[in-house]
Amino acid sequence: MKNIIICTAILLTTIMNAQLVIDDFKTGTINKKTYGTGSGTVTTQSGTGIVKGIRSINAKLNQNPNDHGLQLSIKNGLLTLSYGYDTRGTTYVNYGVDKNGKNKPMNLNLKDYKTLKIEFEAKSTVNGLNIQVYTGNRRATFGDHVRAREGKFVKEIPLKDFNPIHKDFTFSDIDYIRFQFDSRSKTGCNMAINKIWVE
């Protein structure tokens, strides 16, 4: 019986450690914010579903000819982004910050994880996804386009697909992560993201 209990405890520990949630968007809510041309103010949110407890968000619009702008909210476990017609820009979601939005190293050891996953609730158009991970001032990057589709799906990114900009970059001590969600389509962009994690 003792061996069964020990084996069960080891199995449960392994299962629990198999996944690290970066953000489940269930905490750190944002009521609807509207961004116009240029950079929006960096805002920070805190919560238990956010890795190390704090995220910061900023948006920058490079093109907004019809004054449709960007609307953003976090509620009910969803980060929702809605870029208007012919509006082009980027929303930045950052981890490894303090309550003032300044860098605060997370010291995350991700070397035993294989894949970064982003679950989209829905995606309307083809747009860019760029991710930067930092060890101090050394970084690795990943960039791709997320194809248009409807309904829930998971974008899986093998950590080996990140491109190290510096040869001494390591996943064993990640201080800062920046996600960039880009709107580059004439028709605008709507998306909702409900979870980011590694496993």
N, C-alpha and C. Protein backbone atom coordinates (compact mmCIF):
# COMPACT_ATOMS: atom_id res chain seq x y z
N MET A 1 0.83 -1.21 0.00
CA MET A 1 0.00 0.00 0.00
C MET A 1 0.86 1.26 0.00
N LYS A 2 1.93 1.21 0.80
CA LYS A 2 2.83 2.35 0.87
C LYS A 2 3.45 2.65 -0.50
N ASN A 3 3.82 1.60 -1.23
CA ASN A 3 4.41 1.79 -2.56
C ASN A 3 3.40 2.40 -3.54
N ILE A 4 2.15 1.99 -3.43
CA ILE A 4 1.10 2.56 -4.29
C ILE A 4 0.94 4.05 -4.03
N ILE A 5 0.94 4.43 -2.75
CA ILE A 5 0.79 5.84 -2.39
C ILE A 5 1.97 6.65 -2.91
N ILE A 6 3.18 6.11 -2.77
CA ILE A 6 4.37 6.82 -3.24
C ILE A 6 4.33 6.96 -4.76
N CYS A 7 3.99 5.88 -5.47
CA CYS A 7 3.91 5.93 -6.94
C CYS A 7 2.85 6.93 -7.40
N THR A 8 1.71 6.94 -6.71
CA THR A 8 0.63 7.88 -7.04
C THR A 8 1.10 9.32 -6.84
N ALA A 9 1.80 9.57 -5.73
CA ALA A 9 2.30 10.92 -5.45
C ALA A 9 3.29 11.36 -6.51
N ILE A 10 4.19 10.46 -6.92
CA ILE A 10 5.16 10.79 -7.97
C ILE A 10 4.46 11.07 -9.28
N LEU A 11 3.46 10.25 -9.62
CA LEU A 11 2.71 10.44 -10.87
C LEU A 11 1.97 11.76 -10.87
N LEU A 12 1.33 12.10 -9.76
CA LEU A 12 0.61 13.37 -9.66
C LEU A 12 1.56 14.55 -9.77
N THR A 13 2.72 14.45 -9.14
CA THR A 13 3.72 15.51 -9.22
C THR A 13 4.19 15.70 -10.66
N THR A 14 4.42 14.59 -11.35
CA THR A 14 4.86 14.65 -12.75
C THR A 14 3.80 15.31 -13.62
N ILE A 15 2.54 14.92 -13.42
CA ILE A 15 1.44 15.49 -14.21
C ILE A 15 1.30 16.98 -13.94
N MET A 16 1.38 17.36 -12.65
CA MET A 16 1.23 18.77 -12.29
C MET A 16 2.36 19.62 -12.84
N ASN A 17 3.57 19.06 -12.93
CA ASN A 17 4.71 19.80 -13.41
C ASN A 17 4.86 19.74 -14.93
N ALA A 18 3.98 19.04 -15.60
CA ALA A 18 4.09 18.88 -17.04
C ALA A 18 3.64 20.12 -17.79
N GLN A 19 3.01 21.05 -17.10
CA GLN A 19 2.48 22.24 -17.75
C GLN A 19 2.73 23.47 -16.88
N LEU A 20 3.17 24.55 -17.50
CA LEU A 20 3.34 25.82 -16.79
C LEU A 20 2.48 26.85 -17.51
N VAL A 21 1.49 27.38 -16.81
CA VAL A 21 0.60 28.38 -17.40
C VAL A 21 1.27 29.75 -17.35
N ILE A 22 1.38 30.37 -18.51
CA ILE A 22 1.87 31.75 -18.60
C ILE A 22 0.73 32.71 -18.27
N ASP A 23 -0.46 32.44 -18.84
CA ASP A 23 -1.62 33.30 -18.57
C ASP A 23 -2.89 32.56 -18.96
N ASP A 24 -3.88 32.57 -18.06
CA ASP A 24 -5.18 31.99 -18.42
C ASP A 24 -6.25 33.08 -18.58
N PHE A 25 -5.87 34.34 -18.39
CA PHE A 25 -6.73 35.51 -18.61
C PHE A 25 -8.00 35.48 -17.76
N LYS A 26 -7.98 34.68 -16.69
CA LYS A 26 -9.11 34.65 -15.76
C LYS A 26 -8.97 35.71 -14.68
N THR A 27 -7.75 36.25 -14.53
CA THR A 27 -7.51 37.31 -13.56
C THR A 27 -6.81 38.46 -14.28
N GLY A 28 -6.77 39.61 -13.63
CA GLY A 28 -6.18 40.79 -14.26
C GLY A 28 -7.07 41.34 -15.36
N THR A 29 -8.32 41.57 -15.03
CA THR A 29 -9.29 42.02 -16.05
C THR A 29 -9.00 43.44 -16.53
N ILE A 30 -9.42 43.71 -17.75
CA ILE A 30 -9.38 45.06 -18.32
C ILE A 30 -10.75 45.32 -18.93
N ASN A 31 -11.40 46.38 -18.48
CA ASN A 31 -12.62 46.80 -19.16
C ASN A 31 -12.23 47.37 -20.51
N LYS A 32 -13.15 47.46 -21.43
CA LYS A 32 -12.83 47.83 -22.80
C LYS A 32 -11.98 49.10 -22.86
N LYS A 33 -10.84 48.97 -23.56
CA LYS A 33 -9.97 50.12 -23.82
C LYS A 33 -9.95 50.35 -25.33
N THR A 34 -9.92 51.60 -25.74
CA THR A 34 -9.85 51.94 -27.15
C THR A 34 -8.55 52.68 -27.41
N TYR A 35 -7.82 52.22 -28.43
CA TYR A 35 -6.55 52.84 -28.81
C TYR A 35 -6.71 53.51 -30.16
N GLY A 36 -6.11 54.70 -30.32
CA GLY A 36 -6.07 55.39 -31.60
C GLY A 36 -4.67 55.28 -32.18
N THR A 37 -4.34 56.15 -33.12
CA THR A 37 -3.03 56.11 -33.77
C THR A 37 -1.93 56.46 -32.76
N GLY A 38 -0.80 55.77 -32.89
CA GLY A 38 0.33 55.99 -31.99
C GLY A 38 0.34 54.94 -30.89
N SER A 39 1.15 55.17 -29.89
CA SER A 39 1.30 54.20 -28.80
C SER A 39 0.32 54.50 -27.67
N GLY A 40 -0.29 53.45 -27.16
CA GLY A 40 -1.14 53.60 -26.00
C GLY A 40 -0.32 53.50 -24.73
N THR A 41 -0.90 53.91 -23.63
CA THR A 41 -0.23 53.84 -22.34
C THR A 41 -0.05 52.40 -21.92
N VAL A 42 1.10 52.08 -21.37
CA VAL A 42 1.33 50.74 -20.83
C VAL A 42 0.50 50.59 -19.57
N THR A 43 -0.29 49.52 -19.50
CA THR A 43 -1.05 49.23 -18.30
C THR A 43 -0.62 47.89 -17.75
N THR A 44 -0.69 47.73 -16.44
CA THR A 44 -0.34 46.46 -15.81
C THR A 44 -1.55 45.88 -15.11
N GLN A 45 -1.59 44.55 -15.08
CA GLN A 45 -2.66 43.84 -14.39
C GLN A 45 -2.01 42.76 -13.53
N SER A 46 -2.64 42.46 -12.41
CA SER A 46 -2.11 41.42 -11.54
C SER A 46 -3.17 40.34 -11.34
N GLY A 47 -2.70 39.12 -11.03
CA GLY A 47 -3.64 38.04 -10.80
C GLY A 47 -2.94 36.71 -10.61
N THR A 48 -3.67 35.75 -10.08
CA THR A 48 -3.11 34.44 -9.78
C THR A 48 -2.91 33.59 -11.02
N GLY A 49 -3.62 33.89 -12.11
CA GLY A 49 -3.49 33.11 -13.34
C GLY A 49 -2.42 33.62 -14.28
N ILE A 50 -1.58 34.55 -13.79
CA ILE A 50 -0.53 35.17 -14.59
C ILE A 50 0.81 34.71 -14.03
N VAL A 51 1.71 34.25 -14.89
CA VAL A 51 3.01 33.80 -14.41
C VAL A 51 3.71 34.94 -13.66
N LYS A 52 4.17 34.64 -12.46
CA LYS A 52 4.82 35.62 -11.57
C LYS A 52 3.89 36.76 -11.17
N GLY A 53 2.59 36.64 -11.50
CA GLY A 53 1.58 37.52 -10.94
C GLY A 53 1.28 38.83 -11.64
N ILE A 54 2.10 39.24 -12.63
CA ILE A 54 1.87 40.53 -13.29
C ILE A 54 2.14 40.44 -14.79
N ARG A 55 1.26 41.07 -15.57
CA ARG A 55 1.47 41.25 -17.01
C ARG A 55 1.35 42.73 -17.33
N SER A 56 1.92 43.16 -18.44
CA SER A 56 1.66 44.51 -18.93
C SER A 56 1.20 44.43 -20.38
N ILE A 57 0.39 45.40 -20.77
CA ILE A 57 -0.16 45.44 -22.13
C ILE A 57 -0.01 46.84 -22.68
N ASN A 58 0.37 46.91 -23.94
CA ASN A 58 0.45 48.17 -24.66
C ASN A 58 0.05 47.91 -26.10
N ALA A 59 -0.44 48.91 -26.78
CA ALA A 59 -0.78 48.78 -28.20
C ALA A 59 -0.21 49.96 -28.97
N LYS A 60 0.18 49.70 -30.19
CA LYS A 60 0.70 50.75 -31.07
C LYS A 60 0.03 50.61 -32.43
N LEU A 61 -0.64 51.66 -32.87
CA LEU A 61 -1.27 51.66 -34.19
C LEU A 61 -0.45 52.51 -35.14
N ASN A 62 -0.06 51.91 -36.24
CA ASN A 62 0.71 52.62 -37.26
C ASN A 62 -0.20 53.22 -38.34
N GLN A 63 -1.41 52.69 -38.43
CA GLN A 63 -2.32 53.14 -39.49
C GLN A 63 -3.75 53.03 -38.97
N ASN A 64 -4.49 54.12 -39.08
CA ASN A 64 -5.87 54.17 -38.60
C ASN A 64 -6.65 55.21 -39.42
N PRO A 65 -6.70 55.04 -40.76
CA PRO A 65 -7.24 56.11 -41.62
C PRO A 65 -8.72 56.38 -41.44
N ASN A 66 -9.47 55.42 -40.96
CA ASN A 66 -10.92 55.61 -40.81
C ASN A 66 -11.34 55.81 -39.36
N ASP A 67 -10.34 56.02 -38.49
CA ASP A 67 -10.59 56.27 -37.07
C ASP A 67 -11.39 55.15 -36.41
N HIS A 68 -11.12 53.90 -36.85
CA HIS A 68 -11.79 52.75 -36.25
C HIS A 68 -11.03 52.21 -35.05
N GLY A 69 -9.72 52.41 -35.03
CA GLY A 69 -8.91 52.08 -33.87
C GLY A 69 -8.90 50.61 -33.49
N LEU A 70 -8.47 50.36 -32.25
CA LEU A 70 -8.38 49.03 -31.66
C LEU A 70 -9.14 49.04 -30.35
N GLN A 71 -9.95 48.01 -30.15
CA GLN A 71 -10.61 47.82 -28.86
C GLN A 71 -10.06 46.55 -28.23
N LEU A 72 -9.78 46.62 -26.93
CA LEU A 72 -9.16 45.52 -26.21
C LEU A 72 -9.85 45.34 -24.87
N SER A 73 -10.03 44.08 -24.46
CA SER A 73 -10.54 43.81 -23.12
C SER A 73 -10.02 42.46 -22.64
N ILE A 74 -10.00 42.29 -21.32
CA ILE A 74 -9.73 40.98 -20.72
C ILE A 74 -10.83 40.74 -19.71
N LYS A 75 -11.66 39.74 -19.99
CA LYS A 75 -12.73 39.37 -19.05
C LYS A 75 -13.22 37.98 -19.42
N ASN A 76 -13.77 37.29 -18.46
CA ASN A 76 -14.31 35.95 -18.65
C ASN A 76 -13.29 34.98 -19.25
N GLY A 77 -12.02 35.15 -18.89
CA GLY A 77 -10.98 34.24 -19.37
C GLY A 77 -10.58 34.46 -20.81
N LEU A 78 -10.82 35.64 -21.36
CA LEU A 78 -10.46 35.94 -22.75
C LEU A 78 -9.77 37.29 -22.89
N LEU A 79 -8.64 37.29 -23.61
CA LEU A 79 -8.06 38.53 -24.11
C LEU A 79 -8.66 38.73 -25.50
N THR A 80 -9.45 39.77 -25.66
CA THR A 80 -10.15 40.03 -26.92
C THR A 80 -9.58 41.28 -27.57
N LEU A 81 -9.20 41.14 -28.85
CA LEU A 81 -8.64 42.24 -29.63
C LEU A 81 -9.49 42.44 -30.88
N SER A 82 -9.87 43.67 -31.14
CA SER A 82 -10.65 43.98 -32.34
C SER A 82 -10.07 45.21 -33.02
N TYR A 83 -9.37 44.97 -34.13
CA TYR A 83 -8.83 46.05 -34.95
C TYR A 83 -9.84 46.37 -36.05
N GLY A 84 -10.08 47.66 -36.29
CA GLY A 84 -11.04 48.07 -37.30
C GLY A 84 -10.51 47.96 -38.72
N TYR A 85 -11.38 48.27 -39.66
CA TYR A 85 -11.06 48.20 -41.09
C TYR A 85 -9.82 49.04 -41.42
N ASP A 86 -8.87 48.43 -42.12
CA ASP A 86 -7.65 49.09 -42.59
C ASP A 86 -6.80 49.67 -41.45
N THR A 87 -7.01 49.13 -40.26
CA THR A 87 -6.22 49.53 -39.10
C THR A 87 -5.06 48.56 -38.94
N ARG A 88 -3.86 49.09 -38.84
CA ARG A 88 -2.67 48.23 -38.71
C ARG A 88 -1.89 48.62 -37.47
N GLY A 89 -1.52 47.60 -36.71
CA GLY A 89 -0.78 47.88 -35.49
C GLY A 89 -0.44 46.60 -34.76
N THR A 90 0.05 46.76 -33.53
CA THR A 90 0.51 45.64 -32.73
C THR A 90 0.05 45.80 -31.29
N THR A 91 -0.39 44.70 -30.70
CA THR A 91 -0.65 44.65 -29.27
C THR A 91 0.46 43.85 -28.62
N TYR A 92 1.08 44.42 -27.60
CA TYR A 92 2.18 43.79 -26.87
C TYR A 92 1.66 43.28 -25.53
N VAL A 93 1.91 42.01 -25.24
CA VAL A 93 1.55 41.42 -23.95
C VAL A 93 2.85 40.90 -23.34
N ASN A 94 3.22 41.44 -22.18
CA ASN A 94 4.54 41.24 -21.61
C ASN A 94 4.50 40.57 -20.23
N TYR A 95 5.46 39.69 -19.98
CA TYR A 95 5.61 39.01 -18.70
C TYR A 95 7.06 39.16 -18.25
N GLY A 96 7.24 39.36 -16.94
CA GLY A 96 8.56 39.66 -16.40
C GLY A 96 8.66 41.14 -16.10
N VAL A 97 7.55 41.68 -15.55
CA VAL A 97 7.47 43.11 -15.23
C VAL A 97 6.99 43.29 -13.80
N ASP A 98 7.20 44.50 -13.27
CA ASP A 98 6.67 44.83 -11.95
C ASP A 98 5.37 45.61 -12.12
N LYS A 99 4.80 46.08 -11.02
CA LYS A 99 3.49 46.75 -11.07
C LYS A 99 3.53 48.08 -11.83
N ASN A 100 4.76 48.59 -12.08
CA ASN A 100 4.90 49.82 -12.85
C ASN A 100 5.23 49.55 -14.32
N GLY A 101 5.27 48.27 -14.70
CA GLY A 101 5.56 47.91 -16.08
C GLY A 101 7.04 47.85 -16.40
N LYS A 102 7.89 48.02 -15.39
CA LYS A 102 9.34 47.93 -15.59
C LYS A 102 9.78 46.47 -15.52
N ASN A 103 10.87 46.16 -16.21
CA ASN A 103 11.36 44.78 -16.21
C ASN A 103 11.68 44.29 -14.80
N LYS A 104 11.24 43.07 -14.51
CA LYS A 104 11.54 42.40 -13.25
C LYS A 104 11.79 40.93 -13.59
N PRO A 105 13.06 40.49 -13.60
CA PRO A 105 13.39 39.14 -14.06
C PRO A 105 12.56 38.05 -13.38
N MET A 106 12.04 37.12 -14.22
CA MET A 106 11.23 36.01 -13.70
C MET A 106 12.07 34.82 -13.29
N ASN A 107 13.26 34.65 -13.91
CA ASN A 107 14.13 33.50 -13.64
C ASN A 107 13.39 32.18 -13.81
N LEU A 108 12.64 32.05 -14.92
CA LEU A 108 11.90 30.82 -15.21
C LEU A 108 12.83 29.81 -15.87
N ASN A 109 12.79 28.59 -15.38
CA ASN A 109 13.56 27.51 -16.01
C ASN A 109 12.61 26.74 -16.93
N LEU A 110 12.77 26.95 -18.24
CA LEU A 110 11.90 26.29 -19.23
C LEU A 110 12.64 25.20 -20.00
N LYS A 111 13.83 24.83 -19.59
CA LYS A 111 14.64 23.92 -20.39
C LYS A 111 14.04 22.52 -20.51
N ASP A 112 13.18 22.12 -19.58
CA ASP A 112 12.57 20.80 -19.65
C ASP A 112 11.23 20.79 -20.38
N TYR A 113 10.79 21.96 -20.85
CA TYR A 113 9.56 22.05 -21.62
C TYR A 113 9.88 21.99 -23.11
N LYS A 114 8.95 21.51 -23.89
CA LYS A 114 9.18 21.32 -25.33
C LYS A 114 8.41 22.29 -26.21
N THR A 115 7.21 22.71 -25.76
CA THR A 115 6.31 23.43 -26.65
C THR A 115 5.62 24.59 -25.93
N LEU A 116 5.56 25.74 -26.61
CA LEU A 116 4.75 26.87 -26.17
C LEU A 116 3.42 26.77 -26.90
N LYS A 117 2.30 26.93 -26.17
CA LYS A 117 0.99 26.82 -26.79
C LYS A 117 0.14 28.05 -26.50
N ILE A 118 -0.58 28.48 -27.53
CA ILE A 118 -1.52 29.60 -27.40
C ILE A 118 -2.87 29.11 -27.90
N GLU A 119 -3.87 29.18 -27.03
CA GLU A 119 -5.21 28.75 -27.45
C GLU A 119 -6.03 29.97 -27.84
N PHE A 120 -6.44 29.98 -29.10
CA PHE A 120 -7.30 31.03 -29.63
C PHE A 120 -8.75 30.56 -29.55
N GLU A 121 -9.61 31.45 -29.12
CA GLU A 121 -11.04 31.15 -29.13
C GLU A 121 -11.56 31.26 -30.56
N ALA A 122 -11.04 32.22 -31.31
CA ALA A 122 -11.40 32.39 -32.72
C ALA A 122 -10.40 33.34 -33.34
N LYS A 123 -10.24 33.27 -34.64
CA LYS A 123 -9.31 34.13 -35.36
C LYS A 123 -9.94 34.46 -36.70
N SER A 124 -9.99 35.73 -37.06
CA SER A 124 -10.77 36.09 -38.24
C SER A 124 -9.93 36.26 -39.50
N THR A 125 -8.69 36.71 -39.37
CA THR A 125 -7.90 37.01 -40.56
C THR A 125 -6.45 36.59 -40.36
N VAL A 126 -5.69 36.56 -41.43
CA VAL A 126 -4.27 36.21 -41.36
C VAL A 126 -3.50 37.40 -40.79
N ASN A 127 -2.81 37.17 -39.70
CA ASN A 127 -2.05 38.23 -39.06
C ASN A 127 -0.80 37.67 -38.41
N GLY A 128 0.10 38.56 -37.99
CA GLY A 128 1.38 38.14 -37.48
C GLY A 128 1.38 37.85 -35.99
N LEU A 129 2.21 36.87 -35.63
CA LEU A 129 2.48 36.54 -34.24
C LEU A 129 3.99 36.54 -34.09
N ASN A 130 4.50 37.37 -33.20
CA ASN A 130 5.93 37.42 -32.92
C ASN A 130 6.14 37.29 -31.42
N ILE A 131 7.14 36.50 -31.04
CA ILE A 131 7.42 36.26 -29.63
C ILE A 131 8.91 36.46 -29.40
N GLN A 132 9.24 37.14 -28.32
CA GLN A 132 10.63 37.30 -27.92
C GLN A 132 10.78 36.82 -26.49
N VAL A 133 11.79 35.99 -26.24
CA VAL A 133 12.10 35.54 -24.89
C VAL A 133 13.52 35.98 -24.57
N TYR A 134 13.72 36.44 -23.34
CA TYR A 134 15.00 37.03 -22.95
C TYR A 134 15.62 36.30 -21.77
N THR A 135 16.93 36.11 -21.83
CA THR A 135 17.77 35.76 -20.69
C THR A 135 18.68 36.96 -20.50
N GLY A 136 18.39 37.79 -19.50
CA GLY A 136 19.11 39.06 -19.39
C GLY A 136 18.87 39.87 -20.64
N ASN A 137 19.95 40.29 -21.32
CA ASN A 137 19.78 41.03 -22.58
C ASN A 137 20.00 40.15 -23.80
N ARG A 138 20.07 38.85 -23.60
CA ARG A 138 20.21 37.89 -24.71
C ARG A 138 18.82 37.34 -25.03
N ARG A 139 18.52 37.20 -26.31
CA ARG A 139 17.15 36.82 -26.65
C ARG A 139 17.08 35.80 -27.77
N ALA A 140 15.89 35.19 -27.86
CA ALA A 140 15.53 34.31 -28.96
C ALA A 140 14.17 34.76 -29.46
N THR A 141 13.91 34.59 -30.76
CA THR A 141 12.68 35.10 -31.35
C THR A 141 11.97 34.02 -32.15
N PHE A 142 10.67 34.22 -32.31
CA PHE A 142 9.85 33.38 -33.17
C PHE A 142 8.85 34.27 -33.87
N GLY A 143 8.62 34.03 -35.16
CA GLY A 143 7.63 34.80 -35.91
C GLY A 143 6.88 33.91 -36.88
N ASP A 144 5.58 34.18 -37.03
CA ASP A 144 4.74 33.38 -37.93
C ASP A 144 3.47 34.15 -38.22
N HIS A 145 2.73 33.68 -39.22
CA HIS A 145 1.38 34.18 -39.47
C HIS A 145 0.39 33.12 -39.00
N VAL A 146 -0.64 33.57 -38.33
CA VAL A 146 -1.70 32.67 -37.88
C VAL A 146 -2.78 32.69 -38.93
N ARG A 147 -3.05 31.54 -39.51
CA ARG A 147 -4.02 31.47 -40.61
C ARG A 147 -5.44 31.73 -40.13
N ALA A 148 -6.23 32.29 -41.03
CA ALA A 148 -7.62 32.59 -40.72
C ALA A 148 -8.40 31.31 -40.48
N ARG A 149 -9.20 31.31 -39.45
CA ARG A 149 -10.10 30.19 -39.18
C ARG A 149 -11.10 30.61 -38.11
N GLU A 150 -12.13 29.85 -37.95
CA GLU A 150 -13.14 30.12 -36.93
C GLU A 150 -13.10 29.02 -35.89
N GLY A 151 -13.53 29.35 -34.70
CA GLY A 151 -13.60 28.35 -33.64
C GLY A 151 -12.30 28.22 -32.88
N LYS A 152 -12.35 27.47 -31.80
CA LYS A 152 -11.21 27.32 -30.91
C LYS A 152 -10.13 26.46 -31.56
N PHE A 153 -8.86 26.88 -31.41
CA PHE A 153 -7.74 26.07 -31.87
C PHE A 153 -6.50 26.45 -31.08
N VAL A 154 -5.49 25.59 -31.11
CA VAL A 154 -4.25 25.82 -30.38
C VAL A 154 -3.10 25.97 -31.37
N LYS A 155 -2.38 27.07 -31.23
CA LYS A 155 -1.16 27.29 -32.00
C LYS A 155 -0.01 26.70 -31.18
N GLU A 156 0.66 25.68 -31.72
CA GLU A 156 1.76 25.02 -31.02
C GLU A 156 3.09 25.46 -31.61
N ILE A 157 4.01 25.89 -30.75
CA ILE A 157 5.31 26.38 -31.19
C ILE A 157 6.40 25.61 -30.45
N PRO A 158 7.08 24.68 -31.11
CA PRO A 158 8.19 23.99 -30.46
C PRO A 158 9.26 25.00 -30.02
N LEU A 159 9.75 24.87 -28.81
CA LEU A 159 10.76 25.81 -28.33
C LEU A 159 12.02 25.75 -29.19
N LYS A 160 12.26 24.62 -29.82
CA LYS A 160 13.44 24.49 -30.69
C LYS A 160 13.31 25.35 -31.95
N ASP A 161 12.10 25.84 -32.25
CA ASP A 161 11.89 26.70 -33.41
C ASP A 161 12.21 28.17 -33.15
N PHE A 162 12.51 28.50 -31.88
CA PHE A 162 12.93 29.87 -31.58
C PHE A 162 14.34 30.07 -32.13
N ASN A 163 14.58 31.25 -32.67
CA ASN A 163 15.87 31.58 -33.26
C ASN A 163 16.70 32.40 -32.27
N PRO A 164 17.76 31.82 -31.68
CA PRO A 164 18.59 32.59 -30.74
C PRO A 164 19.35 33.70 -31.47
N ILE A 165 19.21 34.92 -30.99
CA ILE A 165 19.93 36.05 -31.56
C ILE A 165 21.35 36.08 -30.99
N HIS A 166 21.51 35.58 -29.79
CA HIS A 166 22.81 35.51 -29.13
C HIS A 166 23.13 34.05 -28.84
N LYS A 167 24.36 33.63 -29.07
CA LYS A 167 24.72 32.22 -28.94
C LYS A 167 24.64 31.71 -27.50
N ASP A 168 24.74 32.61 -26.51
CA ASP A 168 24.68 32.15 -25.12
C ASP A 168 23.29 32.28 -24.52
N PHE A 169 22.26 32.47 -25.37
CA PHE A 169 20.88 32.44 -24.89
C PHE A 169 20.55 31.06 -24.35
N THR A 170 19.76 30.99 -23.27
CA THR A 170 19.35 29.71 -22.71
C THR A 170 17.92 29.76 -22.20
N PHE A 171 17.19 28.65 -22.37
CA PHE A 171 15.83 28.55 -21.84
C PHE A 171 15.82 28.23 -20.34
N SER A 172 16.97 28.04 -19.75
CA SER A 172 17.01 27.66 -18.33
C SER A 172 16.85 28.85 -17.38
N ASP A 173 16.84 30.07 -17.93
CA ASP A 173 16.69 31.25 -17.07
C ASP A 173 16.02 32.38 -17.86
N ILE A 174 14.71 32.24 -18.07
CA ILE A 174 13.96 33.23 -18.85
C ILE A 174 13.50 34.36 -17.93
N ASP A 175 13.91 35.58 -18.27
CA ASP A 175 13.59 36.74 -17.45
C ASP A 175 12.36 37.50 -17.94
N TYR A 176 12.13 37.48 -19.25
CA TYR A 176 11.11 38.35 -19.83
C TYR A 176 10.56 37.69 -21.09
N ILE A 177 9.25 37.77 -21.28
CA ILE A 177 8.60 37.25 -22.50
C ILE A 177 7.70 38.34 -23.06
N ARG A 178 7.82 38.57 -24.37
CA ARG A 178 6.95 39.54 -25.05
C ARG A 178 6.24 38.86 -26.21
N PHE A 179 4.91 38.93 -26.19
CA PHE A 179 4.08 38.46 -27.29
C PHE A 179 3.62 39.68 -28.08
N GLN A 180 3.71 39.60 -29.40
CA GLN A 180 3.24 40.66 -30.29
C GLN A 180 2.17 40.08 -31.20
N PHE A 181 0.96 40.61 -31.09
CA PHE A 181 -0.15 40.19 -31.95
C PHE A 181 -0.41 41.33 -32.93
N ASP A 182 -0.16 41.06 -34.23
CA ASP A 182 -0.19 42.09 -35.25
C ASP A 182 -1.45 42.05 -36.10
N SER A 183 -1.96 43.22 -36.42
CA SER A 183 -3.01 43.36 -37.42
C SER A 183 -2.38 43.95 -38.67
N ARG A 184 -2.39 43.17 -39.75
CA ARG A 184 -1.79 43.62 -41.01
C ARG A 184 -2.74 43.45 -42.19
N SER A 185 -4.00 43.21 -41.90
CA SER A 185 -4.96 42.94 -42.97
C SER A 185 -5.81 44.17 -43.27
N LYS A 186 -6.09 44.39 -44.53
CA LYS A 186 -6.95 45.50 -44.94
C LYS A 186 -8.31 45.42 -44.25
N THR A 187 -8.79 44.21 -44.06
CA THR A 187 -10.12 44.03 -43.48
C THR A 187 -10.15 44.13 -41.96
N GLY A 188 -8.99 44.38 -41.32
CA GLY A 188 -8.95 44.45 -39.88
C GLY A 188 -8.72 43.07 -39.27
N CYS A 189 -8.91 42.96 -37.98
CA CYS A 189 -8.60 41.71 -37.29
C CYS A 189 -9.39 41.61 -35.99
N ASN A 190 -9.95 40.45 -35.76
CA ASN A 190 -10.61 40.15 -34.48
C ASN A 190 -10.07 38.83 -33.98
N MET A 191 -9.70 38.80 -32.72
CA MET A 191 -9.24 37.53 -32.14
C MET A 191 -9.51 37.53 -30.65
N ALA A 192 -9.59 36.32 -30.10
CA ALA A 192 -9.73 36.13 -28.66
C ALA A 192 -8.81 35.00 -28.24
N ILE A 193 -8.02 35.24 -27.23
CA ILE A 193 -7.03 34.27 -26.74
C ILE A 193 -7.40 33.92 -25.31
N ASN A 194 -7.50 32.60 -25.02
CA ASN A 194 -7.92 32.25 -23.67
C ASN A 194 -6.87 31.57 -22.81
N LYS A 195 -5.70 31.23 -23.39
CA LYS A 195 -4.67 30.62 -22.55
C LYS A 195 -3.34 30.59 -23.29
N ILE A 196 -2.26 30.82 -22.54
CA ILE A 196 -0.90 30.66 -23.04
C ILE A 196 -0.16 29.80 -22.02
N TRP A 197 0.52 28.75 -22.49
CA TRP A 197 1.23 27.87 -21.57
C TRP A 197 2.36 27.15 -22.26
N VAL A 198 3.23 26.51 -21.46
CA VAL A 198 4.28 25.64 -22.00
C VAL A 198 4.09 24.25 -21.40
N GLU A 199 4.47 23.24 -22.20
CA GLU A 199 4.42 21.87 -21.68
C GLU A 199 5.47 21.02 -22.40
